[in-house]
PDB file of N, CA and C in Angstrom:
ATOM      1  N   MET A   1      -6.047   2.794  -2.943  1.00  0.00           N
ATOM      2  CA  MET A   1      -5.682   2.820  -4.326  1.00  0.00           C
ATOM      3  C   MET A   1      -4.165   2.984  -4.385  1.00  0.00           C
ATOM      4  N   VAL A   2      -3.526   2.158  -5.191  1.00  0.00           N
ATOM      5  CA  VAL A   2      -2.077   2.220  -5.348  1.00  0.00           C
ATOM      6  C   VAL A   2      -1.774   2.294  -6.837  1.00  0.00           C
ATOM      7  N   GLU A   3      -0.916   3.234  -7.213  1.00  0.00           N
ATOM      8  CA  GLU A   3      -0.570   3.393  -8.622  1.00  0.00           C
ATOM      9  C   GLU A   3       0.896   3.770  -8.757  1.00  0.00           C
ATOM     10  N   VAL A   4       1.472   3.470  -9.913  1.00  0.00           N
ATOM     11  CA  VAL A   4       2.852   3.835 -10.199  1.00  0.00           C
ATOM     12  C   VAL A   4       2.861   5.276 -10.688  1.00  0.00           C
ATOM     13  N   HIS A   5       3.719   6.100 -10.069  1.00  0.00           N
ATOM     14  CA  HIS A   5       3.803   7.510 -10.445  1.00  0.00           C
ATOM     15  C   HIS A   5       5.074   7.847 -11.185  1.00  0.00           C
ATOM     16  N   GLY A   6       6.174   7.290 -10.754  1.00  0.00           N
ATOM     17  CA  GLY A   6       7.442   7.626 -11.374  1.00  0.00           C
ATOM     18  C   GLY A   6       8.259   6.379 -11.614  1.00  0.00           C
ATOM     19  N   GLY A   7       9.068   6.393 -12.615  1.00  0.00           N
ATOM     20  CA  GLY A   7       9.865   5.235 -12.963  1.00  0.00           C
ATOM     21  C   GLY A   7       9.104   4.367 -13.953  1.00  0.00           C
ATOM     22  N   SER A   8       9.805   3.460 -14.543  1.00  0.00           N
ATOM     23  CA  SER A   8       9.195   2.559 -15.510  1.00  0.00           C
ATOM     24  C   SER A   8       8.970   1.218 -14.832  1.00  0.00           C
ATOM     25  N   TRP A   9       7.732   0.959 -14.442  1.00  0.00           N
ATOM     26  CA  TRP A   9       7.429  -0.253 -13.684  1.00  0.00           C
ATOM     27  C   TRP A   9       7.468  -1.461 -14.604  1.00  0.00           C
ATOM     28  N   PRO A  10       8.308  -2.455 -14.279  1.00  0.00           N
ATOM     29  CA  PRO A  10       8.331  -3.662 -15.110  1.00  0.00           C
ATOM     30  C   PRO A  10       7.052  -4.467 -14.887  1.00  0.00           C
ATOM     31  N   LYS A  11       6.255  -4.629 -15.918  1.00  0.00           N
ATOM     32  CA  LYS A  11       4.949  -5.282 -15.796  1.00  0.00           C
ATOM     33  C   LYS A  11       5.070  -6.730 -15.327  1.00  0.00           C
ATOM     34  N   SER A  12       6.236  -7.342 -15.485  1.00  0.00           N
ATOM     35  CA  SER A  12       6.409  -8.731 -15.060  1.00  0.00           C
ATOM     36  C   SER A  12       6.864  -8.840 -13.613  1.00  0.00           C
ATOM     37  N   SER A  13       6.969  -7.723 -12.922  1.00  0.00           N
ATOM     38  CA  SER A  13       7.494  -7.704 -11.558  1.00  0.00           C
ATOM     39  C   SER A  13       6.448  -8.135 -10.537  1.00  0.00           C
ATOM     40  N   PRO A  14       6.776  -9.130  -9.694  1.00  0.00           N
ATOM     41  CA  PRO A  14       5.858  -9.471  -8.606  1.00  0.00           C
ATOM     42  C   PRO A  14       5.894  -8.395  -7.526  1.00  0.00           C
ATOM     43  N   GLU A  15       4.804  -8.281  -6.814  1.00  0.00           N
ATOM     44  CA  GLU A  15       4.715  -7.246  -5.788  1.00  0.00           C
ATOM     45  C   GLU A  15       3.811  -7.702  -4.660  1.00  0.00           C
ATOM     46  N   ARG A  16       4.028  -7.077  -3.502  1.00  0.00           N
ATOM     47  CA  ARG A  16       3.195  -7.335  -2.327  1.00  0.00           C
ATOM     48  C   ARG A  16       2.908  -5.989  -1.672  1.00  0.00           C
ATOM     49  N   VAL A  17       1.631  -5.732  -1.395  1.00  0.00           N
ATOM     50  CA  VAL A  17       1.217  -4.524  -0.689  1.00  0.00           C
ATOM     51  C   VAL A  17       0.451  -4.975   0.543  1.00  0.00           C
ATOM     52  N   THR A  18       0.881  -4.498   1.711  1.00  0.00           N
ATOM     53  CA  THR A  18       0.225  -4.864   2.966  1.00  0.00           C
ATOM     54  C   THR A  18      -0.089  -3.605   3.761  1.00  0.00           C
ATOM     55  N   ALA A  19      -0.943  -3.776   4.762  1.00  0.00           N
ATOM     56  CA  ALA A  19      -1.266  -2.675   5.670  1.00  0.00           C
ATOM     57  C   ALA A  19      -1.274  -3.214   7.090  1.00  0.00           C
ATOM     58  N   CYS A  20      -0.934  -2.364   8.032  1.00  0.00           N
ATOM     59  CA  CYS A  20      -0.998  -2.711   9.450  1.00  0.00           C
ATOM     60  C   CYS A  20      -1.176  -1.413  10.228  1.00  0.00           C
ATOM     61  N   THR A  21      -1.413  -1.546  11.507  1.00  0.00           N
ATOM     62  CA  THR A  21      -1.477  -0.361  12.356  1.00  0.00           C
ATOM     63  C   THR A  21      -0.174  -0.259  13.134  1.00  0.00           C
ATOM     64  N   VAL A  22       0.155   0.938  13.557  1.00  0.00           N
ATOM     65  CA  VAL A  22       1.369   1.137  14.347  1.00  0.00           C
ATOM     66  C   VAL A  22       1.277   0.363  15.659  1.00  0.00           C
ATOM     67  N   SER A  23       0.057   0.248  16.203  1.00  0.00           N
ATOM     68  CA  SER A  23      -0.114  -0.448  17.481  1.00  0.00           C
ATOM     69  C   SER A  23       0.014  -1.967  17.350  1.00  0.00           C
ATOM     70  N   ILE A  24      -0.178  -2.514  16.139  1.00  0.00           N
ATOM     71  CA  ILE A  24      -0.033  -3.960  15.913  1.00  0.00           C
ATOM     72  C   ILE A  24       0.812  -4.153  14.646  1.00  0.00           C
ATOM     73  N   PRO A  25       2.105  -3.825  14.696  1.00  0.00           N
ATOM     74  CA  PRO A  25       2.927  -3.815  13.489  1.00  0.00           C
ATOM     75  C   PRO A  25       3.210  -5.189  12.890  1.00  0.00           C
ATOM     76  N   ASP A  26       3.087  -6.244  13.671  1.00  0.00           N
ATOM     77  CA  ASP A  26       3.412  -7.581  13.165  1.00  0.00           C
ATOM     78  C   ASP A  26       2.202  -8.323  12.603  1.00  0.00           C
ATOM     79  N   GLN A  27       1.080  -7.648  12.438  1.00  0.00           N
ATOM     80  CA  GLN A  27      -0.138  -8.257  11.892  1.00  0.00           C
ATOM     81  C   GLN A  27      -0.481  -7.619  10.549  1.00  0.00           C
ATOM     82  N   ASP A  28       0.285  -7.967   9.531  1.00  0.00           N
ATOM     83  CA  ASP A  28       0.054  -7.402   8.202  1.00  0.00           C
ATOM     84  C   ASP A  28      -1.226  -7.943   7.582  1.00  0.00           C
ATOM     85  N   ILE A  29      -1.989  -7.063   6.977  1.00  0.00           N
ATOM     86  CA  ILE A  29      -3.165  -7.429   6.195  1.00  0.00           C
ATOM     87  C   ILE A  29      -2.745  -7.308   4.736  1.00  0.00           C
ATOM     88  N   VAL A  30      -2.842  -8.400   4.005  1.00  0.00           N
ATOM     89  CA  VAL A  30      -2.400  -8.411   2.615  1.00  0.00           C
ATOM     90  C   VAL A  30      -3.451  -7.743   1.731  1.00  0.00           C
ATOM     91  N   LEU A  31      -3.048  -6.688   1.041  1.00  0.00           N
ATOM     92  CA  LEU A  31      -3.933  -5.995   0.104  1.00  0.00           C
ATOM     93  C   LEU A  31      -3.798  -6.582  -1.298  1.00  0.00           C
ATOM     94  N   VAL A  32      -2.602  -6.980  -1.648  1.00  0.00           N
ATOM     95  CA  VAL A  32      -2.353  -7.718  -2.890  1.00  0.00           C
ATOM     96  C   VAL A  32      -1.012  -8.423  -2.755  1.00  0.00           C
ATOM     97  N   ASP A  33      -0.950  -9.646  -3.247  1.00  0.00           N
ATOM     98  CA  ASP A  33       0.295 -10.412  -3.279  1.00  0.00           C
ATOM     99  C   ASP A  33       0.287 -11.185  -4.584  1.00  0.00           C
ATOM    100  N   SER A  34       1.096 -10.753  -5.517  1.00  0.00           N
ATOM    101  CA  SER A  34       1.082 -11.386  -6.828  1.00  0.00           C
ATOM    102  C   SER A  34       1.869 -12.688  -6.850  1.00  0.00           C
ATOM    103  N   GLY A  35       2.509 -13.038  -5.718  1.00  0.00           N
ATOM    104  CA  GLY A  35       3.306 -14.268  -5.682  1.00  0.00           C
ATOM    105  C   GLY A  35       4.442 -14.177  -6.679  1.00  0.00           C
ATOM    106  N   ARG A  36       4.546 -15.168  -7.524  1.00  0.00           N
ATOM    107  CA  ARG A  36       5.598 -15.147  -8.549  1.00  0.00           C
ATOM    108  C   ARG A  36       5.096 -14.590  -9.872  1.00  0.00           C
ATOM    109  N   GLU A  37       3.838 -14.243  -9.900  1.00  0.00           N
ATOM    110  CA  GLU A  37       3.221 -13.738 -11.128  1.00  0.00           C
ATOM    111  C   GLU A  37       3.384 -12.221 -11.228  1.00  0.00           C
ATOM    112  N   ALA A  38       3.051 -11.704 -12.373  1.00  0.00           N
ATOM    113  CA  ALA A  38       3.066 -10.254 -12.573  1.00  0.00           C
ATOM    114  C   ALA A  38       1.831  -9.642 -11.933  1.00  0.00           C
ATOM    115  N   LEU A  39       1.930  -8.392 -11.593  1.00  0.00           N
ATOM    116  CA  LEU A  39       0.789  -7.659 -11.046  1.00  0.00           C
ATOM    117  C   LEU A  39      -0.291  -7.473 -12.094  1.00  0.00           C
ATOM    118  N   THR A  40      -1.501  -7.268 -11.614  1.00  0.00           N
ATOM    119  CA  THR A  40      -2.609  -6.946 -12.502  1.00  0.00           C
ATOM    120  C   THR A  40      -2.899  -5.457 -12.368  1.00  0.00           C
ATOM    121  N   PHE A  41      -2.905  -4.761 -13.496  1.00  0.00           N
ATOM    122  CA  PHE A  41      -3.165  -3.326 -13.518  1.00  0.00           C
ATOM    123  C   PHE A  41      -4.510  -3.056 -14.174  1.00  0.00           C
ATOM    124  N   SER A  42      -5.198  -2.018 -13.719  1.00  0.00           N
ATOM    125  CA  SER A  42      -6.434  -1.589 -14.381  1.00  0.00           C
ATOM    126  C   SER A  42      -6.063  -0.854 -15.668  1.00  0.00           C
ATOM    127  N   ASP A  43      -7.057  -0.539 -16.469  1.00  0.00           N
ATOM    128  CA  ASP A  43      -6.811   0.190 -17.714  1.00  0.00           C
ATOM    129  C   ASP A  43      -6.188   1.559 -17.468  1.00  0.00           C
ATOM    130  N   SER A  44      -6.460   2.147 -16.300  1.00  0.00           N
ATOM    131  CA  SER A  44      -5.913   3.473 -15.985  1.00  0.00           C
ATOM    132  C   SER A  44      -4.573   3.408 -15.256  1.00  0.00           C
ATOM    133  N   GLY A  45      -3.997   2.199 -15.108  1.00  0.00           N
ATOM    134  CA  GLY A  45      -2.682   2.067 -14.497  1.00  0.00           C
ATOM    135  C   GLY A  45      -2.675   1.819 -13.006  1.00  0.00           C
ATOM    136  N   LEU A  46      -3.844   1.632 -12.397  1.00  0.00           N
ATOM    137  CA  LEU A  46      -3.912   1.342 -10.966  1.00  0.00           C
ATOM    138  C   LEU A  46      -3.638  -0.133 -10.722  1.00  0.00           C
ATOM    139  N   ILE A  47      -2.978  -0.426  -9.612  1.00  0.00           N
ATOM    140  CA  ILE A  47      -2.765  -1.818  -9.226  1.00  0.00           C
ATOM    141  C   ILE A  47      -4.074  -2.352  -8.672  1.00  0.00           C
ATOM    142  N   LYS A  48      -4.510  -3.501  -9.174  1.00  0.00           N
ATOM    143  CA  LYS A  48      -5.763  -4.098  -8.701  1.00  0.00           C
ATOM    144  C   LYS A  48      -5.505  -4.792  -7.368  1.00  0.00           C
ATOM    145  N   LEU A  49      -6.086  -4.245  -6.307  1.00  0.00           N
ATOM    146  CA  LEU A  49      -5.932  -4.800  -4.967  1.00  0.00           C
ATOM    147  C   LEU A  49      -6.969  -5.894  -4.748  1.00  0.00           C
ATOM    148  N   SER A  50      -6.567  -6.983  -4.080  1.00  0.00           N
ATOM    149  CA  SER A  50      -7.522  -8.047  -3.767  1.00  0.00           C
ATOM    150  C   SER A  50      -8.330  -7.702  -2.523  1.00  0.00           C
ATOM    151  N   ARG A  51      -7.815  -6.824  -1.677  1.00  0.00           N
ATOM    152  CA  ARG A  51      -8.539  -6.326  -0.500  1.00  0.00           C
ATOM    153  C   ARG A  51      -8.431  -4.815  -0.518  1.00  0.00           C
ATOM    154  N   ARG A  52      -9.574  -4.143  -0.359  1.00  0.00           N
ATOM    155  CA  ARG A  52      -9.570  -2.684  -0.434  1.00  0.00           C
ATOM    156  C   ARG A  52     -10.064  -2.011   0.830  1.00  0.00           C
ATOM    157  N   VAL A  53     -10.420  -2.788   1.857  1.00  0.00           N
ATOM    158  CA  VAL A  53     -10.931  -2.200   3.098  1.00  0.00           C
ATOM    159  C   VAL A  53     -10.138  -2.758   4.272  1.00  0.00           C
ATOM    160  N   VAL A  54      -9.610  -1.873   5.101  1.00  0.00           N
ATOM    161  CA  VAL A  54      -8.978  -2.239   6.367  1.00  0.00           C
ATOM    162  C   VAL A  54      -9.490  -1.261   7.416  1.00  0.00           C
ATOM    163  N   SER A  55      -9.322  -1.612   8.677  1.00  0.00           N
ATOM    164  CA  SER A  55      -9.748  -0.683   9.727  1.00  0.00           C
ATOM    165  C   SER A  55      -8.569  -0.359  10.632  1.00  0.00           C
ATOM    166  N   VAL A  56      -8.625   0.838  11.182  1.00  0.00           N
ATOM    167  CA  VAL A  56      -7.584   1.318  12.081  1.00  0.00           C
ATOM    168  C   VAL A  56      -8.264   2.194  13.126  1.00  0.00           C
ATOM    169  N   GLU A  57      -7.754   2.141  14.346  1.00  0.00           N
ATOM    170  CA  GLU A  57      -8.328   2.982  15.391  1.00  0.00           C
ATOM    171  C   GLU A  57      -8.061   4.449  15.069  1.00  0.00           C
ATOM    172  N   LEU A  58      -9.014   5.293  15.387  1.00  0.00           N
ATOM    173  CA  LEU A  58      -8.926   6.714  15.050  1.00  0.00           C
ATOM    174  C   LEU A  58      -7.723   7.390  15.711  1.00  0.00           C
ATOM    175  N   SER A  59      -7.313   6.881  16.865  1.00  0.00           N
ATOM    176  CA  SER A  59      -6.168   7.467  17.568  1.00  0.00           C
ATOM    177  C   SER A  59      -4.839   6.846  17.132  1.00  0.00           C
ATOM    178  N   GLY A  60      -4.878   5.920  16.172  1.00  0.00           N
ATOM    179  CA  GLY A  60      -3.666   5.228  15.744  1.00  0.00           C
ATOM    180  C   GLY A  60      -3.114   5.757  14.438  1.00  0.00           C
ATOM    181  N   GLN A  61      -2.375   4.894  13.753  1.00  0.00           N
ATOM    182  CA  GLN A  61      -1.823   5.230  12.447  1.00  0.00           C
ATOM    183  C   GLN A  61      -1.872   3.991  11.564  1.00  0.00           C
ATOM    184  N   LEU A  62      -2.078   4.205  10.278  1.00  0.00           N
ATOM    185  CA  LEU A  62      -2.106   3.140   9.289  1.00  0.00           C
ATOM    186  C   LEU A  62      -0.784   3.142   8.532  1.00  0.00           C
ATOM    187  N   VAL A  63      -0.161   1.976   8.421  1.00  0.00           N
ATOM    188  CA  VAL A  63       1.087   1.837   7.679  1.00  0.00           C
ATOM    189  C   VAL A  63       0.808   0.995   6.436  1.00  0.00           C
ATOM    190  N   VAL A  64       1.131   1.521   5.269  1.00  0.00           N
ATOM    191  CA  VAL A  64       1.004   0.770   4.021  1.00  0.00           C
ATOM    192  C   VAL A  64       2.417   0.438   3.554  1.00  0.00           C
ATOM    193  N   ASN A  65       2.708  -0.861   3.453  1.00  0.00           N
ATOM    194  CA  ASN A  65       4.020  -1.353   3.041  1.00  0.00           C
ATOM    195  C   ASN A  65       3.948  -1.847   1.602  1.00  0.00           C
ATOM    196  N   VAL A  66       4.966  -1.532   0.809  1.00  0.00           N
ATOM    197  CA  VAL A  66       5.040  -1.984  -0.576  1.00  0.00           C
ATOM    198  C   VAL A  66       6.377  -2.689  -0.765  1.00  0.00           C
ATOM    199  N   GLU A  67       6.334  -3.852  -1.400  1.00  0.00           N
ATOM    200  CA  GLU A  67       7.549  -4.615  -1.690  1.00  0.00           C
ATOM    201  C   GLU A  67       7.479  -5.072  -3.137  1.00  0.00           C
ATOM    202  N   ALA A  68       8.551  -4.858  -3.882  1.00  0.00           N
ATOM    203  CA  ALA A  68       8.594  -5.267  -5.283  1.00  0.00           C
ATOM    204  C   ALA A  68       9.912  -5.972  -5.566  1.00  0.00           C
ATOM    205  N   LYS A  69       9.856  -6.957  -6.446  1.00  0.00           N
ATOM    206  CA  LYS A  69      11.058  -7.678  -6.863  1.00  0.00           C
ATOM    207  C   LYS A  69      11.273  -7.410  -8.341  1.00  0.00           C
ATOM    208  N   TYR A  70      12.465  -6.956  -8.679  1.00  0.00           N
ATOM    209  CA  TYR A  70      12.791  -6.707 -10.078  1.00  0.00           C
ATOM    210  C   TYR A  70      14.292  -6.797 -10.258  1.00  0.00           C
ATOM    211  N   SER A  71      14.715  -7.294 -11.380  1.00  0.00           N
ATOM    212  CA  SER A  71      16.144  -7.421 -11.710  1.00  0.00           C
ATOM    213  C   SER A  71      16.920  -8.109 -10.600  1.00  0.00           C
ATOM    214  N   GLY A  72      16.319  -9.103  -9.956  1.00  0.00           N
ATOM    215  CA  GLY A  72      16.997  -9.840  -8.898  1.00  0.00           C
ATOM    216  C   GLY A  72      17.124  -9.095  -7.587  1.00  0.00           C
ATOM    217  N   LYS A  73      16.474  -7.951  -7.451  1.00  0.00           N
ATOM    218  CA  LYS A  73      16.549  -7.146  -6.233  1.00  0.00           C
ATOM    219  C   LYS A  73      15.175  -7.051  -5.586  1.00  0.00           C
ATOM    220  N   VAL A  74      15.166  -6.766  -4.296  1.00  0.00           N
ATOM    221  CA  VAL A  74      13.920  -6.503  -3.578  1.00  0.00           C
ATOM    222  C   VAL A  74      13.945  -5.043  -3.138  1.00  0.00           C
ATOM    223  N   ALA A  75      12.931  -4.316  -3.520  1.00  0.00           N
ATOM    224  CA  ALA A  75      12.806  -2.911  -3.119  1.00  0.00           C
ATOM    225  C   ALA A  75      11.620  -2.793  -2.176  1.00  0.00           C
ATOM    226  N   LYS A  76      11.798  -2.061  -1.080  1.00  0.00           N
ATOM    227  CA  LYS A  76      10.733  -1.892  -0.095  1.00  0.00           C
ATOM    228  C   LYS A  76      10.527  -0.415   0.199  1.00  0.00           C
ATOM    229  N   GLY A  77       9.302  -0.093   0.555  1.00  0.00           N
ATOM    230  CA  GLY A  77       8.972   1.260   0.961  1.00  0.00           C
ATOM    231  C   GLY A  77       7.692   1.242   1.771  1.00  0.00           C
ATOM    232  N   TYR A  78       7.404   2.342   2.435  1.00  0.00           N
ATOM    233  CA  TYR A  78       6.175   2.413   3.225  1.00  0.00           C
ATOM    234  C   TYR A  78       5.714   3.863   3.343  1.00  0.00           C
ATOM    235  N   SER A  79       4.437   4.004   3.672  1.00  0.00           N
ATOM    236  CA  SER A  79       3.853   5.312   3.978  1.00  0.00           C
ATOM    237  C   SER A  79       3.014   5.165   5.231  1.00  0.00           C
ATOM    238  N   ILE A  80       3.037   6.185   6.085  1.00  0.00           N
ATOM    239  CA  ILE A  80       2.263   6.176   7.330  1.00  0.00           C
ATOM    240  C   ILE A  80       1.187   7.252   7.231  1.00  0.00           C
ATOM    241  N   PHE A  81      -0.050   6.840   7.511  1.00  0.00           N
ATOM    242  CA  PHE A  81      -1.194   7.741   7.433  1.00  0.00           C
ATOM    243  C   PHE A  81      -1.813   7.930   8.811  1.00  0.00           C
ATOM    244  N   THR A  82      -2.195   9.157   9.124  1.00  0.00           N
ATOM    245  CA  THR A  82      -2.956   9.454  10.334  1.00  0.00           C
ATOM    246  C   THR A  82      -4.435   9.423   9.961  1.00  0.00           C
ATOM    247  N   PRO A  83      -5.243   8.604  10.660  1.00  0.00           N
ATOM    248  CA  PRO A  83      -6.664   8.475  10.312  1.00  0.00           C
ATOM    249  C   PRO A  83      -7.422   9.798  10.400  1.00  0.00           C
ATOM    250  N   LYS A  84      -8.433   9.901   9.569  1.00  0.00           N
ATOM    251  CA  LYS A  84      -9.320  11.070   9.529  1.00  0.00           C
ATOM    252  C   LYS A  84     -10.753  10.587   9.720  1.00  0.00           C
ATOM    253  N   MET A  85     -11.635  11.474  10.124  1.00  0.00           N
ATOM    254  CA  MET A  85     -13.055  11.123  10.263  1.00  0.00           C
ATOM    255  C   MET A  85     -13.664  10.843   8.886  1.00  0.00           C
ATOM    256  N   SER A  86     -13.309  11.642   7.932  1.00  0.00           N
ATOM    257  CA  SER A  86     -13.729  11.440   6.544  1.00  0.00           C
ATOM    258  C   SER A  86     -12.822  12.298   5.681  1.00  0.00           C
ATOM    259  N   THR A  87     -12.608  11.941   4.501  1.00  0.00           N
ATOM    260  CA  THR A  87     -11.828  12.657   3.494  1.00  0.00           C
ATOM    261  C   THR A  87     -10.935  11.647   2.787  1.00  0.00           C
ATOM    262  N   ILE A  88      -9.992  12.160   2.050  1.00  0.00           N
ATOM    263  CA  ILE A  88      -9.041  11.314   1.327  1.00  0.00           C
ATOM    264  C   ILE A  88      -7.636  11.789   1.678  1.00  0.00           C
ATOM    265  N   SER A  89      -6.739  10.824   1.918  1.00  0.00           N
ATOM    266  CA  SER A  89      -5.328  11.135   2.166  1.00  0.00           C
ATOM    267  C   SER A  89      -4.509  10.560   1.018  1.00  0.00           C
ATOM    268  N   TYR A  90      -3.447  11.249   0.664  1.00  0.00           N
ATOM    269  CA  TYR A  90      -2.580  10.801  -0.425  1.00  0.00           C
ATOM    270  C   TYR A  90      -1.127  10.981  -0.013  1.00  0.00           C
ATOM    271  N   GLN A  91      -0.313   9.961  -0.290  1.00  0.00           N
ATOM    272  CA  GLN A  91       1.126  10.052  -0.061  1.00  0.00           C
ATOM    273  C   GLN A  91       1.839   9.276  -1.151  1.00  0.00           C
ATOM    274  N   THR A  92       3.111   9.585  -1.320  1.00  0.00           N
ATOM    275  CA  THR A  92       3.928   8.795  -2.228  1.00  0.00           C
ATOM    276  C   THR A  92       4.836   7.889  -1.418  1.00  0.00           C
ATOM    277  N   CYS A  93       5.225   6.809  -2.026  1.00  0.00           N
ATOM    278  CA  CYS A  93       6.092   5.821  -1.398  1.00  0.00           C
ATOM    279  C   CYS A  93       7.194   5.510  -2.400  1.00  0.00           C
ATOM    280  N   CYS A  94       8.450   5.718  -2.012  1.00  0.00           N
ATOM    281  CA  CYS A  94       9.583   5.490  -2.907  1.00  0.00           C
ATOM    282  C   CYS A  94      10.192   4.124  -2.642  1.00  0.00           C
ATOM    283  N   LEU A  95      10.454   3.389  -3.701  1.00  0.00           N
ATOM    284  CA  LEU A  95      11.084   2.074  -3.613  1.00  0.00           C
ATOM    285  C   LEU A  95      12.392   2.111  -4.376  1.00  0.00           C
ATOM    286  N   GLY A  96      13.448   1.563  -3.779  1.00  0.00           N
ATOM    287  CA  GLY A  96      14.733   1.493  -4.464  1.00  0.00           C
ATOM    288  C   GLY A  96      15.389   2.851  -4.568  1.00  0.00           C
ATOM    289  N   GLY A  97      16.319   2.955  -5.514  1.00  0.00           N
ATOM    290  CA  GLY A  97      16.945   4.233  -5.807  1.00  0.00           C
ATOM    291  C   GLY A  97      18.045   4.657  -4.859  1.00  0.00           C
ATOM    292  N   LYS A  98      18.546   3.752  -4.017  1.00  0.00           N
ATOM    293  CA  LYS A  98      19.593   4.155  -3.075  1.00  0.00           C
ATOM    294  C   LYS A  98      20.924   4.393  -3.780  1.00  0.00           C
ATOM    295  N   LYS A  99      21.191   3.598  -4.822  1.00  0.00           N
ATOM    296  CA  LYS A  99      22.465   3.757  -5.508  1.00  0.00           C
ATOM    297  C   LYS A  99      22.321   4.495  -6.834  1.00  0.00           C
ATOM    298  N   LYS A 100      21.269   4.155  -7.564  1.00  0.00           N
ATOM    299  CA  LYS A 100      21.062   4.793  -8.862  1.00  0.00           C
ATOM    300  C   LYS A 100      19.653   5.352  -8.927  1.00  0.00           C
ATOM    301  N   ARG A 101      19.537   6.575  -9.358  1.00  0.00           N
ATOM    302  CA  ARG A 101      18.214   7.212  -9.479  1.00  0.00           C
ATOM    303  C   ARG A 101      17.312   6.434 -10.440  1.00  0.00           C
ATOM    304  N   SER A 102      17.896   5.748 -11.419  1.00  0.00           N
ATOM    305  CA  SER A 102      17.106   5.002 -12.399  1.00  0.00           C
ATOM    306  C   SER A 102      16.424   3.789 -11.776  1.00  0.00           C
ATOM    307  N   ASP A 103      16.875   3.357 -10.599  1.00  0.00           N
ATOM    308  CA  ASP A 103      16.259   2.222  -9.909  1.00  0.00           C
ATOM    309  C   ASP A 103      15.055   2.641  -9.082  1.00  0.00           C
ATOM    310  N   LEU A 104      14.746   3.930  -9.047  1.00  0.00           N
ATOM    311  CA  LEU A 104      13.693   4.446  -8.181  1.00  0.00           C
ATOM    312  C   LEU A 104      12.308   4.279  -8.808  1.00  0.00           C
ATOM    313  N   PHE A 105      11.387   3.745  -8.013  1.00  0.00           N
ATOM    314  CA  PHE A 105       9.982   3.676  -8.386  1.00  0.00           C
ATOM    315  C   PHE A 105       9.211   4.504  -7.379  1.00  0.00           C
ATOM    316  N   VAL A 106       8.273   5.291  -7.840  1.00  0.00           N
ATOM    317  CA  VAL A 106       7.444   6.083  -6.945  1.00  0.00           C
ATOM    318  C   VAL A 106       6.012   5.597  -7.083  1.00  0.00           C
ATOM    319  N   MET A 107       5.452   5.159  -5.963  1.00  0.00           N
ATOM    320  CA  MET A 107       4.074   4.681  -5.927  1.00  0.00           C
ATOM    321  C   MET A 107       3.219   5.752  -5.269  1.00  0.00           C
ATOM    322  N   GLY A 108       2.046   5.996  -5.814  1.00  0.00           N
ATOM    323  CA  GLY A 108       1.078   6.884  -5.184  1.00  0.00           C
ATOM    324  C   GLY A 108       0.072   6.042  -4.421  1.00  0.00           C
ATOM    325  N   ILE A 109      -0.171   6.369  -3.164  1.00  0.00           N
ATOM    326  CA  ILE A 109      -1.110   5.616  -2.323  1.00  0.00           C
ATOM    327  C   ILE A 109      -2.205   6.567  -1.860  1.00  0.00           C
ATOM    328  N   THR A 110      -3.440   6.211  -2.154  1.00  0.00           N
ATOM    329  CA  THR A 110      -4.598   7.009  -1.759  1.00  0.00           C
ATOM    330  C   THR A 110      -5.440   6.207  -0.784  1.00  0.00           C
ATOM    331  N   VAL A 111      -5.814   6.828   0.332  1.00  0.00           N
ATOM    332  CA  VAL A 111      -6.670   6.196   1.341  1.00  0.00           C
ATOM    333  C   VAL A 111      -7.922   7.049   1.487  1.00  0.00           C
ATOM    334  N   ALA A 112      -9.083   6.424   1.350  1.00  0.00           N
ATOM    335  CA  ALA A 112     -10.364   7.105   1.583  1.00  0.00           C
ATOM    336  C   ALA A 112     -10.839   6.705   2.973  1.00  0.00           C
ATOM    337  N   TRP A 113     -11.115   7.687   3.811  1.00  0.00           N
ATOM    338  CA  TRP A 113     -11.474   7.438   5.207  1.00  0.00           C
ATOM    339  C   TRP A 113     -12.977   7.535   5.426  1.00  0.00           C
ATOM    340  N   SER A 114     -13.487   6.689   6.280  1.00  0.00           N
ATOM    341  CA  SER A 114     -14.851   6.833   6.794  1.00  0.00           C
ATOM    342  C   SER A 114     -14.899   6.169   8.162  1.00  0.00           C
ATOM    343  N   VAL A 115     -15.783   6.645   9.004  1.00  0.00           N
ATOM    344  CA  VAL A 115     -15.884   6.152  10.378  1.00  0.00           C
ATOM    345  C   VAL A 115     -17.105   5.254  10.481  1.00  0.00           C
ATOM    346  N   PHE A 116     -16.953   4.161  11.225  1.00  0.00           N
ATOM    347  CA  PHE A 116     -18.115   3.327  11.513  1.00  0.00           C
ATOM    348  C   PHE A 116     -18.214   3.147  13.015  1.00  0.00           C
ATOM    349  N   ASN A 117     -19.418   2.951  13.497  1.00  0.00           N
ATOM    350  CA  ASN A 117     -19.632   2.724  14.924  1.00  0.00           C
ATOM    351  C   ASN A 117     -19.405   1.256  15.233  1.00  0.00           C
ATOM    352  N   PRO A 118     -18.649   0.964  16.281  1.00  0.00           N
ATOM    353  CA  PRO A 118     -18.457  -0.437  16.650  1.00  0.00           C
ATOM    354  C   PRO A 118     -19.776  -1.028  17.138  1.00  0.00           C
ATOM    355  N   LEU A 119     -19.910  -2.314  16.920  1.00  0.00           N
ATOM    356  CA  LEU A 119     -21.104  -2.994  17.410  1.00  0.00           C
ATOM    357  C   LEU A 119     -21.080  -3.015  18.931  1.00  0.00           C
ATOM    358  N   THR A 120     -22.192  -2.730  19.530  1.00  0.00           N
ATOM    359  CA  THR A 120     -22.281  -2.791  20.986  1.00  0.00           C
ATOM    360  C   THR A 120     -23.305  -3.839  21.368  1.00  0.00           C
ATOM    361  N   SER A 121     -23.023  -4.514  22.412  1.00  0.00           N
ATOM    362  CA  SER A 121     -23.917  -5.568  22.878  1.00  0.00           C
ATOM    363  C   SER A 121     -24.855  -5.016  23.943  1.00  0.00           C
ATOM    364  N   SER A 122     -26.109  -5.390  23.844  1.00  0.00           N
ATOM    365  CA  SER A 122     -27.079  -4.943  24.855  1.00  0.00           C
ATOM    366  C   SER A 122     -27.382  -6.060  25.844  1.00  0.00           C
ATOM    367  N   TRP A 123     -26.554  -7.103  25.840  1.00  0.00           N
ATOM    368  CA  TRP A 123     -26.808  -8.225  26.744  1.00  0.00           C
ATOM    369  C   TRP A 123     -26.382  -7.891  28.140  1.00  0.00           C
TER     370      TRP A 123
END
């Protein structure tokens, strides 16, 4: 779940949210990519993700990357999560704001964890 927490998010701003593992950083899984269009938000202000399930090894780390384009600029941020057997993890991700505090957007990222057993072959 990804939502805007701080700053005034321009509704016409395109955005891309991806996830990868630390062990395979160059294999991004696209969670949402609005292209040149505006993002789609739920009634409660959550960004509607096109993919909501990814997997990561329990001994690894999950990286959630956020990229937004607004006012001719590209703002990027990320959060790193350590996997859990079960529970919910929450972190904030800050985009922009290096020169002016008014350019800062704060995204809240929530990850719900669950463990599944890998398929084993009996052949």
